[in-house]
Amino acid sequence: RVHFDEARSLIEVEDVFEALEAPAAARRPERVRVVAGSEGVVELAGGRLAFTSEGLAAWLARRRDPRALALAHWFEHEVVAPRGRRYAAGVPEARP
């Protein structure tokens, strides 16, 4: 699940873990915060965690498998970049 907060694009931590079949040790919230950095993880409503684009990049930098590289490419090129262009142009977000 992808969320948008101000100018940031966020992706839920648990979804990343599931997509990449991350081991249990890598899923511990304290470890995620250390690897992603203090600004790399935010808490969403309900206590769920989400990576910022910088946090996701930091967490994925430790992985070299093709799925991790594909996820990083997708998030940066299909989520972050288009939203950044719309934000810079002043185009309002579509609301459901």
C-alpha atoms as a PDB file:
ATOM      1  CA  ARG A   1       0.000   0.000   0.000  1.00  0.00           C
ATOM      2  CA  VAL A   2       1.281   3.399  -1.021  1.00  0.00           C
ATOM      3  CA  HIS A   3       0.382   6.579   0.854  1.00  0.00           C
ATOM      4  CA  PHE A   4       1.126  10.226   0.261  1.00  0.00           C
ATOM      5  CA  ASP A   5       1.954  12.659   3.051  1.00  0.00           C
ATOM      6  CA  GLU A   6       2.600  16.262   2.027  1.00  0.00           C
ATOM      7  CA  ALA A   7       5.378  15.971  -0.573  1.00  0.00           C
ATOM      8  CA  ARG A   8       6.422  12.452   0.473  1.00  0.00           C
ATOM      9  CA  SER A   9       5.570   9.106  -1.029  1.00  0.00           C
ATOM     10  CA  LEU A  10       5.316   6.305   1.531  1.00  0.00           C
ATOM     11  CA  ILE A  11       5.051   2.524   1.226  1.00  0.00           C
ATOM     12  CA  GLU A  12       3.937   0.302   4.078  1.00  0.00           C
ATOM     13  CA  VAL A  13       6.779  -1.617   5.673  1.00  0.00           C
ATOM     14  CA  GLU A  14       4.795  -4.843   6.059  1.00  0.00           C
ATOM     15  CA  ASP A  15       3.948  -4.866   2.333  1.00  0.00           C
ATOM     16  CA  VAL A  16       7.629  -4.558   1.453  1.00  0.00           C
ATOM     17  CA  PHE A  17       8.452  -7.421   3.826  1.00  0.00           C
ATOM     18  CA  GLU A  18       5.767  -9.630   2.314  1.00  0.00           C
ATOM     19  CA  ALA A  19       6.738  -8.831  -1.273  1.00  0.00           C
ATOM     20  CA  LEU A  20      10.384  -9.659  -0.602  1.00  0.00           C
ATOM     21  CA  GLU A  21       9.763 -12.488   1.875  1.00  0.00           C
ATOM     22  CA  ALA A  22      12.009 -10.746   4.407  1.00  0.00           C
ATOM     23  CA  PRO A  23      13.247 -12.952   7.261  1.00  0.00           C
ATOM     24  CA  ALA A  24      11.805 -12.424  10.737  1.00  0.00           C
ATOM     25  CA  ALA A  25      14.998 -10.784  12.048  1.00  0.00           C
ATOM     26  CA  ALA A  26      14.793  -8.094   9.366  1.00  0.00           C
ATOM     27  CA  ARG A  27      11.169  -7.312  10.299  1.00  0.00           C
ATOM     28  CA  ARG A  28      11.772  -6.128  13.858  1.00  0.00           C
ATOM     29  CA  PRO A  29      10.636  -2.472  14.089  1.00  0.00           C
ATOM     30  CA  GLU A  30      13.739  -1.374  15.997  1.00  0.00           C
ATOM     31  CA  ARG A  31      15.970  -2.914  13.319  1.00  0.00           C
ATOM     32  CA  VAL A  32      13.952  -1.304  10.548  1.00  0.00           C
ATOM     33  CA  ARG A  33      14.375   2.112  12.179  1.00  0.00           C
ATOM     34  CA  VAL A  34      18.148   1.613  12.554  1.00  0.00           C
ATOM     35  CA  VAL A  35      18.618   0.517   8.940  1.00  0.00           C
ATOM     36  CA  ALA A  36      16.227   3.064   7.387  1.00  0.00           C
ATOM     37  CA  GLY A  37      17.304   5.963   9.581  1.00  0.00           C
ATOM     38  CA  SER A  38      15.308   8.224  11.863  1.00  0.00           C
ATOM     39  CA  GLU A  39      13.619   9.983   8.929  1.00  0.00           C
ATOM     40  CA  GLY A  40      13.242   6.803   6.881  1.00  0.00           C
ATOM     41  CA  VAL A  41      10.251   5.326   8.698  1.00  0.00           C
ATOM     42  CA  VAL A  42       7.040   7.044   9.770  1.00  0.00           C
ATOM     43  CA  GLU A  43       4.134   5.775  11.821  1.00  0.00           C
ATOM     44  CA  LEU A  44       0.749   5.774  10.113  1.00  0.00           C
ATOM     45  CA  ALA A  45      -2.680   5.769  11.715  1.00  0.00           C
ATOM     46  CA  GLY A  46      -3.251   2.520  13.547  1.00  0.00           C
ATOM     47  CA  GLY A  47       0.428   2.111  14.389  1.00  0.00           C
ATOM     48  CA  ARG A  48       1.454   0.745  10.995  1.00  0.00           C
ATOM     49  CA  LEU A  49       4.906   1.719   9.752  1.00  0.00           C
ATOM     50  CA  ALA A  50       5.757   3.094   6.325  1.00  0.00           C
ATOM     51  CA  PHE A  51       9.052   3.719   4.585  1.00  0.00           C
ATOM     52  CA  THR A  52       9.795   7.103   3.067  1.00  0.00           C
ATOM     53  CA  SER A  53      11.552   6.877  -0.299  1.00  0.00           C
ATOM     54  CA  GLU A  54      14.886   7.478   1.460  1.00  0.00           C
ATOM     55  CA  GLY A  55      14.136   4.854   4.087  1.00  0.00           C
ATOM     56  CA  LEU A  56      13.132   2.286   1.490  1.00  0.00           C
ATOM     57  CA  ALA A  57      16.321   2.977  -0.471  1.00  0.00           C
ATOM     58  CA  ALA A  58      18.421   2.525   2.679  1.00  0.00           C
ATOM     59  CA  TRP A  59      16.652  -0.710   3.621  1.00  0.00           C
ATOM     60  CA  LEU A  60      16.875  -2.102   0.078  1.00  0.00           C
ATOM     61  CA  ALA A  61      20.559  -1.140  -0.216  1.00  0.00           C
ATOM     62  CA  ARG A  62      21.333  -4.167   1.958  1.00  0.00           C
ATOM     63  CA  ARG A  63      19.654  -6.527  -0.497  1.00  0.00           C
ATOM     64  CA  ARG A  64      20.887  -7.535  -3.906  1.00  0.00           C
ATOM     65  CA  ASP A  65      18.218  -9.940  -5.092  1.00  0.00           C
ATOM     66  CA  PRO A  66      16.360  -9.117  -8.333  1.00  0.00           C
ATOM     67  CA  ARG A  67      13.006  -8.585  -6.590  1.00  0.00           C
ATOM     68  CA  ALA A  68      14.492  -5.934  -4.295  1.00  0.00           C
ATOM     69  CA  LEU A  69      16.041  -4.133  -7.252  1.00  0.00           C
ATOM     70  CA  ALA A  70      12.738  -4.320  -9.145  1.00  0.00           C
ATOM     71  CA  LEU A  71      10.815  -2.948  -6.161  1.00  0.00           C
ATOM     72  CA  ALA A  72      13.276  -0.067  -5.767  1.00  0.00           C
ATOM     73  CA  HIS A  73      13.008   0.764  -9.472  1.00  0.00           C
ATOM     74  CA  TRP A  74       9.194   0.597  -9.445  1.00  0.00           C
ATOM     75  CA  PHE A  75       8.844   2.790  -6.363  1.00  0.00           C
ATOM     76  CA  GLU A  76      11.281   5.427  -7.591  1.00  0.00           C
ATOM     77  CA  HIS A  77      10.152   5.560 -11.236  1.00  0.00           C
ATOM     78  CA  GLU A  78       6.454   4.740 -11.045  1.00  0.00           C
ATOM     79  CA  VAL A  79       5.469   6.304  -7.699  1.00  0.00           C
ATOM     80  CA  VAL A  80       7.956   8.916  -6.474  1.00  0.00           C
ATOM     81  CA  ALA A  81       9.008  10.553  -9.764  1.00  0.00           C
ATOM     82  CA  PRO A  82       5.514  11.063 -11.259  1.00  0.00           C
ATOM     83  CA  ARG A  83       4.165  12.389  -7.961  1.00  0.00           C
ATOM     84  CA  GLY A  84       7.134  14.728  -7.631  1.00  0.00           C
ATOM     85  CA  ARG A  85       6.468  16.130 -11.093  1.00  0.00           C
ATOM     86  CA  ARG A  86       2.770  16.675 -10.287  1.00  0.00           C
ATOM     87  CA  TYR A  87       3.628  18.262  -6.932  1.00  0.00           C
ATOM     88  CA  ALA A  88       6.196  20.610  -8.522  1.00  0.00           C
ATOM     89  CA  ALA A  89       3.672  21.621 -11.200  1.00  0.00           C
ATOM     90  CA  GLY A  90       1.017  22.352  -8.586  1.00  0.00           C
ATOM     91  CA  VAL A  91      -1.369  19.705  -9.910  1.00  0.00           C
ATOM     92  CA  PRO A  92      -3.775  18.641  -7.147  1.00  0.00           C
ATOM     93  CA  GLU A  93      -3.920  15.050  -6.012  1.00  0.00           C
ATOM     94  CA  ALA A  94      -6.776  12.880  -7.186  1.00  0.00           C
ATOM     95  CA  ARG A  95      -8.939  11.930  -4.229  1.00  0.00           C
ATOM     96  CA  PRO A  96     -11.046   8.768  -4.103  1.00  0.00           C
END
